[in-house]
Amino acid sequence: MSTEATPFGVVDYVVFSAMLGVSLVTGIYHGVKSGQRSGTSEFLVADKSMNCLPVAMSLSVSFLSALTILGMSAEIFIYDATYSFLVLSYLWLMPTVMFLFVPVFHGLNLISAYEYFGLRFNYAVRITAALLFALQTIFYIAVTLIGPALAVEAVMGVDLWIMLIITGAVCVFYTTLGGMKAVIWTDVFQFLVIVGSLVTVIVLGTIEAGGLEKVWEMNKQDGRLDIFTVPLDITERTTMLSMIFGGGMNTFAFYISQTAVQRYASSKSLRHAQISTMLILPFQFVILPIVYLSGLVMYAYYNDYLLPLQPAVNATFAPEFPVVGTVDPKYTPDYTSSDQILVYFVSSLFGSISGIQGLFVAALFAGTLSSMSSGLNAMIAVTLEDVVKPWRRWRAARTQRAVYENDVLDTIVGKILTVVYGIIAIGLAYVASSLGTLVTLANTIFGTSGGPLLGGFTLGMYYKRANSWGTLIGILVGFGLGVWVSVGAIIYADNLDEVMSFYKLSFMWYSTFSFFCTMVIGVLCSELIRCLVPSERHKKIDPLLLGMFVRPKGTNRFRVVRPEDSEEDYLLKDIKGRADKAGKKDVLTIQDDDVIMLKMEKRVD
């Protein structure tokens, strides 16, 4: 049989174009609908008007790019089913995020997650965290762009760089025009496209491979399901422990990043934000097993009557492989990247069925557009809230002038920056296409920068004695060590046996490693600074900056109020009278002048 990809047909082009068209129309619709009232609140957090279901679908699909669909299926196809244990990490991950972090982020009424560091510590910690997030996100966007470009390169013959430009341009357009509402509602549509296409491909692929029972037996026979062991070797590529805990920590970094916090902030209430977080659990338990199954199905199909595949780049068979008996062998496609295997599988088997191939490639683009639009919108929020606005206040204080705030101008600046960041991501994607597999690149990115940020938030919320300089040193050291290990592993990839065992650490443990480095260094340095600087021992911490389970009793009755909030959240002109009436003991003020907390008559979710 031929292993070449089947070219796109007319129906495939129609299906694929329809997906891109819906994404563009969504951006145009929300851009026109917002009209003159489009400000930064509308553009960045959808006026805090979103229900839990679309937010949950957006959070799920934002992490479900072509990287997940292509990278994870290729990982299981080439190695074994160990990577499938990652789905179990959500059992401890999502409740942790829901109870320990979402209440703090949503309760502080933040637009940028890294505003937290400015409130809890100082601006140095805040800007450091913002820069780490920007670095993490721009590289992650670049990696997610590679997947669909590889797919189209295989089935359409279009050059990689051309598809990178087209994908990036479509995403930048609807993100720029429609803002967060366009991002979330486009994510909902793309979620449905991804699930529908994956289910279709898996059902048809399982039938072609001889049925589910045969798929299972072939993988079991070749030892690819012998994964229920608990090796403690942290240098092994993937193990059950490294996936459940190490992989969970890598994913953890995403759900406390600006990309996720912005969605919590767009929710109507804390209850909606928490429900959306828990809804991710069933969504991922549906989607991820389908992706994992695709790897097993491909292995069974391509290795019927053949010897087991060899790892990594040696997993390709030449067309002249000898025929066994009278049965025609099924050859593994001669891919240029292991991440193209699923694309060739779908194209060679179902390319003759009108629309199936177009639907699958549309799913890859849907995942990538979602991840890219989420990342771009998050980077704009961080730039405006953590760089532009603080600089504006600093300049006003230095010149002794009133702070000039122009919401319309900020929105325009945000849209211009969306285009700039999109262009940078496209350029980085072209470079990153030659650095390794999608799975390895993604886990490396979140491990080196996400781990220290998670450590910083944990220190701030759950270690009362943490101080500004201790936390800053911890984050920088954790990031530095994470980069050292990950870059060293890339440089010495061909001779790891001849270098320090430090570089042999599995990429699944990068986030855990950098997280604990940040925590240990942060605690030690904070304690040392408390000993050397007496004033650090007497600094008071606003209770709303602490985690729910370490706050003083009764603190949860307070809510953050900002001047720009709606009338029901009490405008600044109304706060003073209410504060006087309530009494000074019921009023708490944070470092920023524009944030005031007022004791409410009843608890507000």
Foldseek 3Di string as FASTA:
>chain_A
DDLAFAAADPLLVVLLVVLLVVLLVLLQVLLVVCPPVDFCCCQQQVLLADFQVLLLLLLLLLVVFLLLLLVLLLVCQFAFLLLLLLLLLLVPQLVCCLAWPLLLLQQQLDSALLVLCCQLANLVSSVVLLVLLLVLLLLLLLLRLQRLLQLCCRHHVDHSLVSLVVLLVSLLNSSLRNHPVSLSVLSVVLSVLQLVLLVVCLVVLQVLLPHPVLLVVVSVVQVRPVQPDDDPPLLDQGHSCLSNPLVSLLVSLVCSHLLNSSSSSSHNASVRSSSSSVVNSVSCVSNNVSSSSSSSSLNSQQDDVHDHAHHDPRRFDDPVDDDDDPDDHHGQRPRPHSSCRSSSVCRVPPVVPRNSSSSNSSSNSSSSSSNLSSSLSSSLSSCVPSPVQVVQVVVCVVVVHDRDDDRVVSSVVSSVSSVVSSVSSSVSSVVCSPQHRSVLSSLLSSLLSSLLSVLLLCCSAPPSLFHHVLLSVLSVVLNVLSCVLSVVCSVCVPPCVVDDCSNSRHSSNSSVSSNVSSNVSSVVVSVVVVVVPVVSVPDDRQQSSYTPVPGDPPSQQKGKAFQVRDPVSPHPVRVVVQCVVVDVVQKDDTPDPGIIIGRDPGGTD
